[in-house]
Amino acid sequence: MIKTAIITVSDKGSRGEREDGTGEALKNMLDPNYYSIDYYKIIPDELDKIVEELVYLSDDLKVNLVLTNGGTGFSKRDVTPEATMKVIKKYVPGIGEVMRSESLKVTPKAALSRAIAGIRNDTLIINLPGSPKGAVENLQAVLPALPHGIDILTGKASECAR
């Protein structure tokens, strides 16, 4: 079972001014036979708060997968990738590349995404867009590879593809 956390980064959502459709959409697309949702929270677009949550989830709660949504665009308040870069120990560029590549097939605005992915300890952190449609499309692009990657990360599989 892949222990998973979903963090919605939204000023309005954290103040209760907007319902979180994106976090719910992500929960609904993860097969409960493989993924357990161990943590879900809505936080504001604040660098220190995002860093604090990511460190807590990887160091203390020890989840295997953190899916953030929101804060990956061009707005001055969009700082999720910067927070992620502060906490990861290994950058995983292929995940962001695949997500943008697949999204470009749907919209040219995908080129504006700053979403990244990386590893801290035994936790894979993936930034997703804030819109439900964009987040689901991006996660669908990489979801088939995640179980194997997390198995390697957590020592349940070797790196050899046999």
N, C-alpha and C. Protein backbone atom coordinates (compact mmCIF):
# COMPACT_ATOMS: atom_id res chain seq x y z
N MET A 1 0.85 -1.18 0.00
CA MET A 1 0.00 0.00 0.00
C MET A 1 0.89 1.24 0.00
N ILE A 2 0.60 2.17 -0.88
CA ILE A 2 1.36 3.40 -0.99
C ILE A 2 0.70 4.47 -0.13
N LYS A 3 1.39 4.83 0.97
CA LYS A 3 0.87 5.86 1.87
C LYS A 3 0.95 7.21 1.16
N THR A 4 -0.19 7.86 1.01
CA THR A 4 -0.28 9.07 0.20
C THR A 4 -0.84 10.24 0.99
N ALA A 5 -0.31 11.42 0.69
CA ALA A 5 -0.83 12.67 1.25
C ALA A 5 -1.19 13.59 0.09
N ILE A 6 -2.28 14.32 0.26
CA ILE A 6 -2.71 15.31 -0.73
C ILE A 6 -2.75 16.66 -0.04
N ILE A 7 -2.01 17.61 -0.60
CA ILE A 7 -1.97 18.97 -0.06
C ILE A 7 -2.48 19.92 -1.13
N THR A 8 -3.56 20.59 -0.83
CA THR A 8 -4.08 21.63 -1.71
C THR A 8 -3.53 22.96 -1.25
N VAL A 9 -2.85 23.66 -2.15
CA VAL A 9 -2.26 24.95 -1.84
C VAL A 9 -3.17 26.02 -2.45
N SER A 10 -3.90 26.70 -1.58
CA SER A 10 -4.88 27.68 -2.04
C SER A 10 -5.20 28.66 -0.92
N ASP A 11 -4.95 29.94 -1.17
CA ASP A 11 -5.31 30.95 -0.18
C ASP A 11 -6.80 30.92 0.10
N LYS A 12 -7.61 30.98 -0.95
CA LYS A 12 -9.08 31.00 -0.78
C LYS A 12 -9.58 29.70 -0.16
N GLY A 13 -9.04 28.57 -0.60
CA GLY A 13 -9.45 27.29 -0.03
C GLY A 13 -9.12 27.19 1.44
N SER A 14 -7.95 27.69 1.83
CA SER A 14 -7.55 27.60 3.24
C SER A 14 -8.40 28.50 4.14
N ARG A 15 -8.99 29.53 3.54
CA ARG A 15 -9.88 30.43 4.30
C ARG A 15 -11.34 30.00 4.22
N GLY A 16 -11.62 28.91 3.52
CA GLY A 16 -12.99 28.43 3.38
C GLY A 16 -13.81 29.20 2.36
N GLU A 17 -13.15 29.97 1.51
CA GLU A 17 -13.85 30.77 0.50
C GLU A 17 -14.05 30.02 -0.81
N ARG A 18 -13.43 28.86 -0.95
CA ARG A 18 -13.54 28.06 -2.17
C ARG A 18 -13.48 26.59 -1.78
N GLU A 19 -14.38 25.80 -2.38
CA GLU A 19 -14.38 24.36 -2.14
C GLU A 19 -13.23 23.73 -2.92
N ASP A 20 -12.62 22.71 -2.33
CA ASP A 20 -11.47 22.07 -2.97
C ASP A 20 -11.92 20.91 -3.86
N GLY A 21 -12.17 21.21 -5.12
CA GLY A 21 -12.51 20.17 -6.07
C GLY A 21 -11.31 19.37 -6.54
N THR A 22 -10.13 19.99 -6.50
CA THR A 22 -8.93 19.32 -7.01
C THR A 22 -8.48 18.19 -6.09
N GLY A 23 -8.39 18.47 -4.82
CA GLY A 23 -7.99 17.42 -3.87
C GLY A 23 -8.94 16.24 -3.93
N GLU A 24 -10.23 16.54 -4.03
CA GLU A 24 -11.24 15.48 -4.12
C GLU A 24 -11.08 14.67 -5.41
N ALA A 25 -10.81 15.37 -6.53
CA ALA A 25 -10.62 14.67 -7.81
C ALA A 25 -9.41 13.74 -7.74
N LEU A 26 -8.33 14.20 -7.09
CA LEU A 26 -7.14 13.35 -6.95
C LEU A 26 -7.43 12.14 -6.08
N LYS A 27 -8.13 12.34 -4.98
CA LYS A 27 -8.50 11.22 -4.11
C LYS A 27 -9.28 10.17 -4.89
N ASN A 28 -10.22 10.64 -5.71
CA ASN A 28 -11.09 9.74 -6.44
C ASN A 28 -10.39 8.95 -7.53
N MET A 29 -9.27 9.44 -8.03
CA MET A 29 -8.60 8.72 -9.12
C MET A 29 -7.56 7.71 -8.62
N LEU A 30 -7.23 7.74 -7.35
CA LEU A 30 -6.24 6.80 -6.81
C LEU A 30 -6.93 5.52 -6.36
N ASP A 31 -6.51 4.41 -6.93
CA ASP A 31 -7.09 3.10 -6.63
C ASP A 31 -6.85 2.75 -5.16
N PRO A 32 -7.94 2.57 -4.38
CA PRO A 32 -7.77 2.26 -2.95
C PRO A 32 -7.12 0.91 -2.68
N ASN A 33 -6.97 0.07 -3.71
CA ASN A 33 -6.26 -1.19 -3.53
C ASN A 33 -4.75 -0.98 -3.49
N TYR A 34 -4.29 0.17 -3.97
CA TYR A 34 -2.85 0.45 -4.03
C TYR A 34 -2.43 1.69 -3.23
N TYR A 35 -3.35 2.63 -3.09
CA TYR A 35 -3.03 3.92 -2.44
C TYR A 35 -3.94 4.13 -1.23
N SER A 36 -3.33 4.44 -0.10
CA SER A 36 -4.12 4.85 1.06
C SER A 36 -3.92 6.36 1.23
N ILE A 37 -5.01 7.07 1.39
CA ILE A 37 -4.93 8.52 1.62
C ILE A 37 -4.78 8.70 3.13
N ASP A 38 -3.55 8.93 3.56
CA ASP A 38 -3.25 9.02 4.99
C ASP A 38 -3.30 10.45 5.51
N TYR A 39 -3.36 11.42 4.61
CA TYR A 39 -3.32 12.82 5.04
C TYR A 39 -3.88 13.68 3.93
N TYR A 40 -4.69 14.64 4.31
CA TYR A 40 -5.25 15.60 3.36
C TYR A 40 -5.40 16.93 4.08
N LYS A 41 -4.94 17.99 3.43
CA LYS A 41 -5.02 19.30 4.07
C LYS A 41 -5.02 20.39 3.01
N ILE A 42 -5.68 21.49 3.33
CA ILE A 42 -5.65 22.68 2.49
C ILE A 42 -4.85 23.74 3.24
N ILE A 43 -3.84 24.29 2.57
CA ILE A 43 -2.98 25.30 3.20
C ILE A 43 -2.87 26.52 2.29
N PRO A 44 -2.50 27.67 2.86
CA PRO A 44 -2.35 28.87 2.03
C PRO A 44 -1.07 28.84 1.20
N ASP A 45 -1.03 29.71 0.19
CA ASP A 45 0.14 29.86 -0.68
C ASP A 45 1.24 30.61 0.07
N GLU A 46 1.82 29.96 1.05
CA GLU A 46 2.89 30.57 1.85
C GLU A 46 4.07 29.61 1.87
N LEU A 47 5.21 30.09 1.40
CA LEU A 47 6.40 29.26 1.25
C LEU A 47 6.73 28.49 2.52
N ASP A 48 6.80 29.18 3.65
CA ASP A 48 7.19 28.51 4.90
C ASP A 48 6.19 27.44 5.32
N LYS A 49 4.91 27.70 5.09
CA LYS A 49 3.87 26.73 5.46
C LYS A 49 3.96 25.49 4.57
N ILE A 50 4.20 25.69 3.28
CA ILE A 50 4.34 24.56 2.36
C ILE A 50 5.57 23.72 2.73
N VAL A 51 6.69 24.39 2.99
CA VAL A 51 7.91 23.69 3.42
C VAL A 51 7.64 22.88 4.68
N GLU A 52 7.00 23.49 5.66
CA GLU A 52 6.69 22.83 6.93
C GLU A 52 5.86 21.56 6.70
N GLU A 53 4.85 21.64 5.85
CA GLU A 53 4.00 20.48 5.57
C GLU A 53 4.79 19.37 4.88
N LEU A 54 5.59 19.73 3.88
CA LEU A 54 6.35 18.73 3.13
C LEU A 54 7.36 18.02 4.03
N VAL A 55 8.03 18.76 4.90
CA VAL A 55 8.98 18.16 5.84
C VAL A 55 8.25 17.24 6.81
N TYR A 56 7.13 17.70 7.34
CA TYR A 56 6.34 16.88 8.27
C TYR A 56 5.92 15.56 7.61
N LEU A 57 5.41 15.66 6.39
CA LEU A 57 4.91 14.47 5.71
C LEU A 57 6.01 13.46 5.39
N SER A 58 7.19 13.94 5.03
CA SER A 58 8.27 13.01 4.69
C SER A 58 9.04 12.56 5.93
N ASP A 59 9.33 13.45 6.83
CA ASP A 59 10.18 13.12 7.98
C ASP A 59 9.42 12.48 9.14
N ASP A 60 8.23 12.99 9.43
CA ASP A 60 7.49 12.51 10.59
C ASP A 60 6.40 11.49 10.24
N LEU A 61 5.54 11.84 9.30
CA LEU A 61 4.46 10.93 8.92
C LEU A 61 4.95 9.81 8.01
N LYS A 62 6.07 10.05 7.34
CA LYS A 62 6.73 9.06 6.47
C LYS A 62 5.79 8.49 5.40
N VAL A 63 5.07 9.39 4.72
CA VAL A 63 4.26 8.94 3.59
C VAL A 63 5.19 8.67 2.42
N ASN A 64 4.72 7.85 1.48
CA ASN A 64 5.53 7.51 0.31
C ASN A 64 5.33 8.47 -0.84
N LEU A 65 4.14 9.10 -0.90
CA LEU A 65 3.80 9.97 -2.02
C LEU A 65 3.06 11.19 -1.50
N VAL A 66 3.55 12.36 -1.89
CA VAL A 66 2.85 13.61 -1.60
C VAL A 66 2.45 14.23 -2.93
N LEU A 67 1.16 14.48 -3.09
CA LEU A 67 0.65 15.16 -4.26
C LEU A 67 0.20 16.55 -3.83
N THR A 68 0.93 17.56 -4.27
CA THR A 68 0.48 18.92 -4.01
C THR A 68 -0.32 19.35 -5.23
N ASN A 69 -1.26 20.24 -5.01
CA ASN A 69 -1.97 20.84 -6.14
C ASN A 69 -2.15 22.31 -5.85
N GLY A 70 -1.87 23.11 -6.88
CA GLY A 70 -1.95 24.56 -6.75
C GLY A 70 -0.59 25.18 -6.55
N GLY A 71 -0.51 26.45 -6.90
CA GLY A 71 0.72 27.21 -6.66
C GLY A 71 1.83 26.97 -7.66
N THR A 72 1.50 26.47 -8.87
CA THR A 72 2.54 26.15 -9.84
C THR A 72 2.57 27.10 -11.03
N GLY A 73 1.79 28.16 -10.97
CA GLY A 73 1.70 29.07 -12.11
C GLY A 73 2.59 30.29 -11.97
N PHE A 74 2.17 31.38 -12.60
CA PHE A 74 2.97 32.60 -12.68
C PHE A 74 2.60 33.67 -11.65
N SER A 75 1.54 33.45 -10.89
CA SER A 75 1.12 34.43 -9.90
C SER A 75 2.23 34.68 -8.87
N LYS A 76 2.26 35.87 -8.34
CA LYS A 76 3.26 36.19 -7.31
C LYS A 76 3.13 35.28 -6.09
N ARG A 77 1.92 34.79 -5.82
CA ARG A 77 1.69 33.92 -4.67
C ARG A 77 2.01 32.45 -4.98
N ASP A 78 2.25 32.10 -6.23
CA ASP A 78 2.54 30.71 -6.61
C ASP A 78 3.98 30.35 -6.26
N VAL A 79 4.15 29.60 -5.16
CA VAL A 79 5.49 29.27 -4.67
C VAL A 79 5.66 27.78 -4.35
N THR A 80 4.74 26.95 -4.80
CA THR A 80 4.85 25.53 -4.48
C THR A 80 6.14 24.90 -5.02
N PRO A 81 6.54 25.16 -6.26
CA PRO A 81 7.81 24.57 -6.73
C PRO A 81 9.02 25.05 -5.92
N GLU A 82 9.01 26.32 -5.53
CA GLU A 82 10.13 26.84 -4.72
C GLU A 82 10.18 26.14 -3.36
N ALA A 83 9.03 25.93 -2.74
CA ALA A 83 8.98 25.22 -1.46
C ALA A 83 9.46 23.78 -1.63
N THR A 84 9.04 23.16 -2.71
CA THR A 84 9.45 21.78 -2.98
C THR A 84 10.96 21.70 -3.18
N MET A 85 11.52 22.63 -3.93
CA MET A 85 12.98 22.63 -4.15
C MET A 85 13.75 22.79 -2.84
N LYS A 86 13.19 23.52 -1.89
CA LYS A 86 13.86 23.70 -0.59
C LYS A 86 13.97 22.40 0.20
N VAL A 87 13.01 21.48 0.01
CA VAL A 87 12.98 20.29 0.86
C VAL A 87 13.49 19.02 0.20
N ILE A 88 13.46 18.96 -1.13
CA ILE A 88 13.86 17.71 -1.76
C ILE A 88 15.38 17.52 -1.72
N LYS A 89 15.79 16.26 -1.74
CA LYS A 89 17.22 15.93 -1.79
C LYS A 89 17.61 15.45 -3.18
N LYS A 90 16.64 14.97 -3.95
CA LYS A 90 16.87 14.54 -5.33
C LYS A 90 15.75 15.11 -6.19
N TYR A 91 16.15 15.74 -7.26
CA TYR A 91 15.21 16.29 -8.24
C TYR A 91 14.86 15.19 -9.23
N VAL A 92 13.59 15.07 -9.61
CA VAL A 92 13.14 14.07 -10.56
C VAL A 92 12.52 14.80 -11.76
N PRO A 93 13.35 15.27 -12.69
CA PRO A 93 12.85 16.10 -13.79
C PRO A 93 11.90 15.38 -14.74
N GLY A 94 12.05 14.07 -14.90
CA GLY A 94 11.22 13.34 -15.85
C GLY A 94 9.73 13.45 -15.58
N ILE A 95 9.35 13.52 -14.31
CA ILE A 95 7.92 13.59 -13.98
C ILE A 95 7.32 14.89 -14.50
N GLY A 96 7.95 16.01 -14.21
CA GLY A 96 7.46 17.30 -14.72
C GLY A 96 7.48 17.36 -16.24
N GLU A 97 8.53 16.78 -16.82
CA GLU A 97 8.65 16.78 -18.29
C GLU A 97 7.50 16.01 -18.93
N VAL A 98 7.19 14.83 -18.40
CA VAL A 98 6.11 14.02 -18.94
C VAL A 98 4.77 14.73 -18.76
N MET A 99 4.55 15.29 -17.58
CA MET A 99 3.28 15.98 -17.34
C MET A 99 3.09 17.14 -18.32
N ARG A 100 4.13 17.95 -18.50
CA ARG A 100 4.01 19.08 -19.43
C ARG A 100 3.85 18.60 -20.86
N SER A 101 4.58 17.57 -21.23
CA SER A 101 4.49 17.03 -22.59
C SER A 101 3.08 16.54 -22.90
N GLU A 102 2.51 15.79 -22.00
CA GLU A 102 1.14 15.29 -22.21
C GLU A 102 0.12 16.42 -22.17
N SER A 103 0.31 17.37 -21.28
CA SER A 103 -0.63 18.50 -21.19
C SER A 103 -0.59 19.38 -22.43
N LEU A 104 0.57 19.47 -23.06
CA LEU A 104 0.68 20.27 -24.28
C LEU A 104 -0.19 19.72 -25.40
N LYS A 105 -0.53 18.44 -25.32
CA LYS A 105 -1.43 17.85 -26.31
C LYS A 105 -2.86 18.35 -26.12
N VAL A 106 -3.15 18.90 -24.94
CA VAL A 106 -4.49 19.38 -24.60
C VAL A 106 -4.57 20.91 -24.71
N THR A 107 -3.51 21.59 -24.22
CA THR A 107 -3.53 23.06 -24.20
C THR A 107 -2.12 23.62 -24.31
N PRO A 108 -1.94 24.69 -25.07
CA PRO A 108 -0.61 25.32 -25.14
C PRO A 108 -0.22 25.99 -23.81
N LYS A 109 -1.18 26.22 -22.94
CA LYS A 109 -0.91 26.83 -21.64
C LYS A 109 -0.10 25.91 -20.72
N ALA A 110 0.00 24.64 -21.10
CA ALA A 110 0.79 23.70 -20.30
C ALA A 110 2.25 24.14 -20.21
N ALA A 111 2.71 24.87 -21.20
CA ALA A 111 4.10 25.36 -21.20
C ALA A 111 4.34 26.33 -20.05
N LEU A 112 3.28 26.86 -19.47
CA LEU A 112 3.42 27.81 -18.37
C LEU A 112 3.51 27.14 -17.00
N SER A 113 3.36 25.83 -16.95
CA SER A 113 3.43 25.12 -15.68
C SER A 113 4.87 25.08 -15.17
N ARG A 114 5.01 25.34 -13.88
CA ARG A 114 6.34 25.28 -13.24
C ARG A 114 6.42 24.07 -12.30
N ALA A 115 5.48 23.14 -12.42
CA ALA A 115 5.42 21.98 -11.53
C ALA A 115 6.71 21.16 -11.60
N ILE A 116 7.14 20.68 -10.45
CA ILE A 116 8.33 19.83 -10.37
C ILE A 116 8.02 18.60 -9.52
N ALA A 117 8.98 17.70 -9.45
CA ALA A 117 8.88 16.53 -8.59
C ALA A 117 10.26 16.25 -8.01
N GLY A 118 10.27 15.64 -6.84
CA GLY A 118 11.54 15.30 -6.21
C GLY A 118 11.35 14.36 -5.04
N ILE A 119 12.47 13.93 -4.50
CA ILE A 119 12.50 12.94 -3.43
C ILE A 119 13.11 13.54 -2.17
N ARG A 120 12.46 13.27 -1.07
CA ARG A 120 13.02 13.56 0.26
C ARG A 120 12.85 12.28 1.07
N ASN A 121 13.95 11.72 1.49
CA ASN A 121 13.95 10.45 2.23
C ASN A 121 13.25 9.39 1.39
N ASP A 122 12.20 8.77 1.91
CA ASP A 122 11.45 7.74 1.18
C ASP A 122 10.14 8.29 0.63
N THR A 123 10.10 9.58 0.37
CA THR A 123 8.89 10.26 -0.08
C THR A 123 9.11 10.90 -1.45
N LEU A 124 8.21 10.60 -2.37
CA LEU A 124 8.18 11.25 -3.67
C LEU A 124 7.16 12.38 -3.60
N ILE A 125 7.59 13.59 -3.94
CA ILE A 125 6.72 14.77 -3.91
C ILE A 125 6.48 15.20 -5.35
N ILE A 126 5.21 15.35 -5.72
CA ILE A 126 4.85 15.76 -7.07
C ILE A 126 3.94 16.97 -6.99
N ASN A 127 4.31 18.04 -7.70
CA ASN A 127 3.46 19.23 -7.81
C ASN A 127 2.52 19.06 -8.98
N LEU A 128 1.25 19.32 -8.76
CA LEU A 128 0.23 19.26 -9.79
C LEU A 128 -0.46 20.61 -9.91
N PRO A 129 -1.11 20.88 -11.05
CA PRO A 129 -1.84 22.14 -11.19
C PRO A 129 -3.00 22.24 -10.19
N GLY A 130 -3.51 23.44 -10.03
CA GLY A 130 -4.60 23.68 -9.09
C GLY A 130 -5.98 23.35 -9.62
N SER A 131 -6.16 23.28 -10.93
CA SER A 131 -7.48 22.97 -11.47
C SER A 131 -7.72 21.47 -11.44
N PRO A 132 -8.96 21.04 -11.15
CA PRO A 132 -9.22 19.60 -11.14
C PRO A 132 -8.87 18.93 -12.46
N LYS A 133 -9.25 19.52 -13.57
CA LYS A 133 -8.98 18.93 -14.89
C LYS A 133 -7.47 18.81 -15.13
N GLY A 134 -6.73 19.87 -14.88
CA GLY A 134 -5.29 19.86 -15.09
C GLY A 134 -4.58 18.89 -14.17
N ALA A 135 -4.99 18.85 -12.91
CA ALA A 135 -4.35 17.95 -11.95
C ALA A 135 -4.56 16.49 -12.33
N VAL A 136 -5.80 16.16 -12.70
CA VAL A 136 -6.11 14.78 -13.08
C VAL A 136 -5.35 14.39 -14.35
N GLU A 137 -5.34 15.26 -15.36
CA GLU A 137 -4.62 14.96 -16.60
C GLU A 137 -3.13 14.76 -16.34
N ASN A 138 -2.55 15.61 -15.50
CA ASN A 138 -1.12 15.49 -15.21
C ASN A 138 -0.81 14.22 -14.43
N LEU A 139 -1.62 13.91 -13.43
CA LEU A 139 -1.37 12.70 -12.66
C LEU A 139 -1.57 11.45 -13.51
N GLN A 140 -2.56 11.46 -14.40
CA GLN A 140 -2.76 10.31 -15.29
C GLN A 140 -1.53 10.04 -16.15
N ALA A 141 -0.82 11.09 -16.50
CA ALA A 141 0.36 10.95 -17.36
C ALA A 141 1.49 10.18 -16.67
N VAL A 142 1.60 10.30 -15.36
CA VAL A 142 2.72 9.67 -14.64
C VAL A 142 2.31 8.53 -13.72
N LEU A 143 1.02 8.40 -13.47
CA LEU A 143 0.53 7.41 -12.51
C LEU A 143 1.00 5.98 -12.80
N PRO A 144 1.05 5.52 -14.05
CA PRO A 144 1.50 4.14 -14.29
C PRO A 144 2.93 3.86 -13.82
N ALA A 145 3.78 4.86 -13.77
CA ALA A 145 5.18 4.66 -13.37
C ALA A 145 5.39 4.76 -11.86
N LEU A 146 4.45 5.34 -11.16
CA LEU A 146 4.68 5.64 -9.74
C LEU A 146 4.88 4.42 -8.84
N PRO A 147 4.07 3.37 -8.94
CA PRO A 147 4.30 2.24 -8.03
C PRO A 147 5.70 1.66 -8.13
N HIS A 148 6.23 1.51 -9.34
CA HIS A 148 7.58 0.97 -9.49
C HIS A 148 8.62 1.92 -8.90
N GLY A 149 8.46 3.20 -9.19
CA GLY A 149 9.40 4.19 -8.64
C GLY A 149 9.39 4.20 -7.12
N ILE A 150 8.21 4.13 -6.54
CA ILE A 150 8.10 4.14 -5.07
C ILE A 150 8.63 2.84 -4.49
N ASP A 151 8.42 1.72 -5.18
CA ASP A 151 9.01 0.45 -4.72
C ASP A 151 10.53 0.54 -4.69
N ILE A 152 11.12 1.14 -5.70
CA ILE A 152 12.58 1.31 -5.71
C ILE A 152 13.00 2.25 -4.59
N LEU A 153 12.30 3.35 -4.44
CA LEU A 153 12.61 4.35 -3.41
C LEU A 153 12.58 3.75 -2.01
N THR A 154 11.61 2.90 -1.76
CA THR A 154 11.43 2.34 -0.42
C THR A 154 12.15 1.00 -0.22
N GLY A 155 12.88 0.56 -1.25
CA GLY A 155 13.66 -0.67 -1.14
C GLY A 155 12.87 -1.94 -1.37
N LYS A 156 11.65 -1.85 -1.89
CA LYS A 156 10.84 -3.04 -2.14
C LYS A 156 11.13 -3.66 -3.50
N ALA A 157 11.89 -2.95 -4.33
CA ALA A 157 12.25 -3.48 -5.66
C ALA A 157 13.67 -3.04 -5.99
N SER A 158 14.30 -3.80 -6.86
CA SER A 158 15.62 -3.38 -7.31
C SER A 158 15.44 -2.39 -8.45
N GLU A 159 16.51 -1.72 -8.83
CA GLU A 159 16.43 -0.76 -9.90
C GLU A 159 16.45 -1.42 -11.27
N CYS A 160 16.75 -2.69 -11.31
CA CYS A 160 16.84 -3.38 -12.59
C CYS A 160 15.45 -3.66 -13.14
N ALA A 161 15.27 -3.36 -14.40
CA ALA A 161 14.02 -3.70 -15.07
C ALA A 161 14.22 -5.07 -15.72
N ARG A 162 13.50 -6.05 -15.22
CA ARG A 162 13.66 -7.43 -15.74
C ARG A 162 12.35 -7.90 -16.31
